[in-house]
Amino acid sequence: MKAKLLVVVAMSGLLFGCANNSELETQVETLSNKVDSLADQVGALRSDHAQMNADINAAKSASMEAQEEAARANARIDNMASGYSKK
């Protein structure tokens, strides 16, 4: 008696499992689309990040050049001031 009941429960479990298969496939497809969308967004963010890093490095280089030029200009002004004498 218990064996028959166990077989009936197992068979009904298999039937119910197969009945929800299309819904499960729909959910998997939806999740797959979401994952693809997020992967595209991550790719775009990585590209933006790389561009920002390049811009930051260019700005650092430009600021260092400006600082060096300012130092040279200050040195020229100091040389002119020390060479000038009031008569």
N, C-alpha and C. Protein backbone atom coordinates (compact mmCIF):
# COMPACT_ATOMS: atom_id res chain seq x y z
N MET A 1 0.83 -1.19 0.00
CA MET A 1 0.00 0.00 0.00
C MET A 1 0.88 1.26 0.00
N LYS A 2 1.90 1.28 0.86
CA LYS A 2 2.78 2.45 0.93
C LYS A 2 3.59 2.59 -0.35
N ALA A 3 3.95 1.48 -0.95
CA ALA A 3 4.71 1.53 -2.19
C ALA A 3 3.88 2.14 -3.31
N LYS A 4 2.60 1.79 -3.39
CA LYS A 4 1.71 2.35 -4.41
C LYS A 4 1.53 3.85 -4.18
N LEU A 5 1.37 4.23 -2.95
CA LEU A 5 1.20 5.64 -2.61
C LEU A 5 2.47 6.42 -2.97
N LEU A 6 3.61 5.84 -2.71
CA LEU A 6 4.88 6.48 -3.04
C LEU A 6 5.02 6.64 -4.56
N VAL A 7 4.62 5.63 -5.33
CA VAL A 7 4.69 5.70 -6.78
C VAL A 7 3.74 6.77 -7.30
N VAL A 8 2.53 6.87 -6.73
CA VAL A 8 1.56 7.88 -7.15
C VAL A 8 2.08 9.27 -6.84
N VAL A 9 2.68 9.46 -5.70
CA VAL A 9 3.22 10.77 -5.33
C VAL A 9 4.38 11.14 -6.26
N ALA A 10 5.23 10.17 -6.58
CA ALA A 10 6.35 10.43 -7.48
C ALA A 10 5.86 10.78 -8.87
N MET A 11 4.88 10.06 -9.38
CA MET A 11 4.34 10.33 -10.71
C MET A 11 3.68 11.71 -10.76
N SER A 12 2.92 12.05 -9.73
CA SER A 12 2.27 13.36 -9.73
C SER A 12 3.31 14.48 -9.63
N GLY A 13 4.39 14.22 -8.91
CA GLY A 13 5.47 15.19 -8.84
C GLY A 13 6.12 15.40 -10.19
N LEU A 14 6.32 14.34 -10.94
CA LEU A 14 6.89 14.46 -12.29
C LEU A 14 5.95 15.22 -13.21
N LEU A 15 4.65 14.94 -13.11
CA LEU A 15 3.68 15.64 -13.96
C LEU A 15 3.65 17.13 -13.65
N PHE A 16 3.65 17.47 -12.38
CA PHE A 16 3.62 18.88 -12.02
C PHE A 16 4.92 19.58 -12.41
N GLY A 17 6.02 18.87 -12.31
CA GLY A 17 7.31 19.43 -12.71
C GLY A 17 7.36 19.71 -14.20
N CYS A 18 6.79 18.86 -15.00
CA CYS A 18 6.78 19.06 -16.45
C CYS A 18 5.78 20.14 -16.87
N ALA A 19 4.73 20.32 -16.10
CA ALA A 19 3.70 21.30 -16.45
C ALA A 19 4.23 22.72 -16.35
N ASN A 20 5.16 23.00 -15.45
CA ASN A 20 5.68 24.35 -15.24
C ASN A 20 6.91 24.63 -16.09
N ASN A 21 7.24 23.76 -16.99
CA ASN A 21 8.46 23.89 -17.77
C ASN A 21 8.44 25.13 -18.67
N SER A 22 7.33 25.43 -19.30
CA SER A 22 7.27 26.60 -20.19
C SER A 22 7.41 27.90 -19.41
N GLU A 23 6.83 27.95 -18.24
CA GLU A 23 6.96 29.15 -17.39
C GLU A 23 8.41 29.31 -16.94
N LEU A 24 9.02 28.19 -16.61
CA LEU A 24 10.43 28.23 -16.20
C LEU A 24 11.31 28.71 -17.36
N GLU A 25 11.05 28.24 -18.56
CA GLU A 25 11.82 28.69 -19.72
C GLU A 25 11.63 30.18 -19.96
N THR A 26 10.42 30.68 -19.76
CA THR A 26 10.16 32.12 -19.91
C THR A 26 10.96 32.92 -18.89
N GLN A 27 10.98 32.44 -17.66
CA GLN A 27 11.73 33.13 -16.61
C GLN A 27 13.23 33.10 -16.90
N VAL A 28 13.72 31.96 -17.38
CA VAL A 28 15.14 31.85 -17.70
C VAL A 28 15.48 32.79 -18.85
N GLU A 29 14.62 32.87 -19.85
CA GLU A 29 14.87 33.78 -20.97
C GLU A 29 14.88 35.23 -20.52
N THR A 30 13.95 35.59 -19.64
CA THR A 30 13.89 36.95 -19.10
C THR A 30 15.17 37.26 -18.34
N LEU A 31 15.60 36.33 -17.49
CA LEU A 31 16.83 36.55 -16.73
C LEU A 31 18.04 36.62 -17.65
N SER A 32 18.05 35.81 -18.69
CA SER A 32 19.15 35.84 -19.64
C SER A 32 19.21 37.19 -20.35
N ASN A 33 18.06 37.73 -20.71
CA ASN A 33 18.03 39.06 -21.34
C ASN A 33 18.53 40.13 -20.38
N LYS A 34 18.16 40.01 -19.12
CA LYS A 34 18.63 40.98 -18.13
C LYS A 34 20.14 40.89 -17.95
N VAL A 35 20.67 39.68 -17.93
CA VAL A 35 22.11 39.49 -17.78
C VAL A 35 22.84 40.07 -18.99
N ASP A 36 22.30 39.84 -20.18
CA ASP A 36 22.92 40.41 -21.39
C ASP A 36 22.91 41.93 -21.34
N SER A 37 21.80 42.50 -20.87
CA SER A 37 21.70 43.96 -20.76
C SER A 37 22.73 44.50 -19.76
N LEU A 38 22.86 43.82 -18.63
CA LEU A 38 23.83 44.25 -17.62
C LEU A 38 25.26 44.09 -18.14
N ALA A 39 25.51 43.05 -18.91
CA ALA A 39 26.85 42.86 -19.48
C ALA A 39 27.18 43.99 -20.45
N ASP A 40 26.19 44.42 -21.22
CA ASP A 40 26.41 45.55 -22.13
C ASP A 40 26.69 46.83 -21.34
N GLN A 41 25.95 47.03 -20.26
CA GLN A 41 26.17 48.22 -19.43
C GLN A 41 27.56 48.19 -18.80
N VAL A 42 28.00 47.04 -18.33
CA VAL A 42 29.33 46.92 -17.74
C VAL A 42 30.40 47.23 -18.79
N GLY A 43 30.20 46.75 -20.00
CA GLY A 43 31.14 47.05 -21.07
C GLY A 43 31.21 48.54 -21.35
N ALA A 44 30.05 49.20 -21.38
CA ALA A 44 30.02 50.64 -21.61
C ALA A 44 30.70 51.39 -20.46
N LEU A 45 30.47 50.94 -19.23
CA LEU A 45 31.09 51.58 -18.08
C LEU A 45 32.61 51.40 -18.10
N ARG A 46 33.05 50.23 -18.52
CA ARG A 46 34.50 50.01 -18.60
C ARG A 46 35.12 50.93 -19.65
N SER A 47 34.43 51.10 -20.76
CA SER A 47 34.92 52.00 -21.80
C SER A 47 34.97 53.43 -21.29
N ASP A 48 33.91 53.85 -20.59
CA ASP A 48 33.90 55.20 -20.02
C ASP A 48 35.02 55.37 -19.00
N HIS A 49 35.25 54.35 -18.20
CA HIS A 49 36.30 54.41 -17.18
C HIS A 49 37.66 54.55 -17.82
N ALA A 50 37.90 53.80 -18.88
CA ALA A 50 39.18 53.89 -19.58
C ALA A 50 39.36 55.29 -20.18
N GLN A 51 38.30 55.85 -20.74
CA GLN A 51 38.38 57.20 -21.31
C GLN A 51 38.66 58.24 -20.23
N MET A 52 37.99 58.08 -19.08
CA MET A 52 38.22 59.02 -17.97
C MET A 52 39.65 58.93 -17.47
N ASN A 53 40.21 57.71 -17.39
CA ASN A 53 41.60 57.55 -16.96
C ASN A 53 42.54 58.23 -17.95
N ALA A 54 42.25 58.09 -19.23
CA ALA A 54 43.09 58.75 -20.24
C ALA A 54 42.99 60.27 -20.10
N ASP A 55 41.79 60.79 -19.87
CA ASP A 55 41.61 62.23 -19.68
C ASP A 55 42.34 62.72 -18.43
N ILE A 56 42.27 61.94 -17.37
CA ILE A 56 42.95 62.32 -16.12
C ILE A 56 44.45 62.37 -16.33
N ASN A 57 44.99 61.37 -17.03
CA ASN A 57 46.43 61.36 -17.29
C ASN A 57 46.85 62.54 -18.16
N ALA A 58 46.01 62.89 -19.13
CA ALA A 58 46.31 64.04 -19.98
C ALA A 58 46.27 65.33 -19.16
N ALA A 59 45.31 65.44 -18.26
CA ALA A 59 45.21 66.64 -17.41
C ALA A 59 46.41 66.73 -16.46
N LYS A 60 46.85 65.60 -15.93
CA LYS A 60 48.02 65.61 -15.07
C LYS A 60 49.25 66.07 -15.84
N SER A 61 49.39 65.57 -17.05
CA SER A 61 50.54 65.95 -17.87
C SER A 61 50.51 67.44 -18.18
N ALA A 62 49.33 67.95 -18.53
CA ALA A 62 49.21 69.38 -18.84
C ALA A 62 49.50 70.23 -17.61
N SER A 63 49.05 69.80 -16.45
CA SER A 63 49.30 70.59 -15.24
C SER A 63 50.77 70.57 -14.86
N MET A 64 51.43 69.44 -15.08
CA MET A 64 52.86 69.39 -14.79
C MET A 64 53.63 70.30 -15.74
N GLU A 65 53.25 70.32 -17.02
CA GLU A 65 53.90 71.21 -17.98
C GLU A 65 53.68 72.67 -17.60
N ALA A 66 52.47 73.01 -17.18
CA ALA A 66 52.18 74.39 -16.78
C ALA A 66 52.98 74.77 -15.53
N GLN A 67 53.11 73.82 -14.61
CA GLN A 67 53.88 74.10 -13.40
C GLN A 67 55.35 74.31 -13.73
N GLU A 68 55.90 73.50 -14.63
CA GLU A 68 57.30 73.67 -15.04
C GLU A 68 57.50 75.01 -15.76
N GLU A 69 56.56 75.37 -16.62
CA GLU A 69 56.67 76.65 -17.33
C GLU A 69 56.59 77.82 -16.36
N ALA A 70 55.71 77.72 -15.35
CA ALA A 70 55.61 78.78 -14.34
C ALA A 70 56.91 78.89 -13.55
N ALA A 71 57.52 77.78 -13.25
CA ALA A 71 58.80 77.81 -12.52
C ALA A 71 59.89 78.48 -13.35
N ARG A 72 59.90 78.16 -14.66
CA ARG A 72 60.90 78.81 -15.54
C ARG A 72 60.64 80.31 -15.63
N ALA A 73 59.37 80.71 -15.73
CA ALA A 73 59.05 82.13 -15.80
C ALA A 73 59.45 82.84 -14.51
N ASN A 74 59.20 82.22 -13.37
CA ASN A 74 59.59 82.81 -12.09
C ASN A 74 61.11 82.95 -11.99
N ALA A 75 61.83 81.96 -12.51
CA ALA A 75 63.29 82.04 -12.48
C ALA A 75 63.78 83.19 -13.34
N ARG A 76 63.15 83.38 -14.50
CA ARG A 76 63.55 84.51 -15.37
C ARG A 76 63.25 85.84 -14.68
N ILE A 77 62.11 85.93 -14.03
CA ILE A 77 61.76 87.18 -13.33
C ILE A 77 62.73 87.43 -12.19
N ASP A 78 63.10 86.38 -11.46
CA ASP A 78 64.06 86.54 -10.36
C ASP A 78 65.41 87.00 -10.89
N ASN A 79 65.82 86.47 -12.03
CA ASN A 79 67.11 86.88 -12.62
C ASN A 79 67.05 88.33 -13.07
N MET A 80 65.93 88.75 -13.62
CA MET A 80 65.80 90.14 -14.05
C MET A 80 65.80 91.07 -12.84
N ALA A 81 65.13 90.68 -11.77
CA ALA A 81 65.07 91.53 -10.59
C ALA A 81 66.41 91.63 -9.91
N SER A 82 67.17 90.56 -9.87
CA SER A 82 68.46 90.62 -9.20
C SER A 82 69.49 91.40 -10.06
N GLY A 83 69.32 91.43 -11.35
CA GLY A 83 70.23 92.16 -12.22
C GLY A 83 69.92 93.64 -12.32
N TYR A 84 68.76 94.04 -11.86
CA TYR A 84 68.33 95.44 -11.94
C TYR A 84 68.82 96.19 -10.72
N SER A 85 69.41 97.31 -10.96
CA SER A 85 69.82 98.13 -9.82
C SER A 85 69.34 99.55 -10.03
N LYS A 86 68.84 100.13 -9.01
CA LYS A 86 68.31 101.49 -9.06
C LYS A 86 69.47 102.45 -8.90
N LYS A 87 69.57 103.46 -9.80
CA LYS A 87 70.68 104.43 -9.72
C LYS A 87 70.22 105.74 -9.19
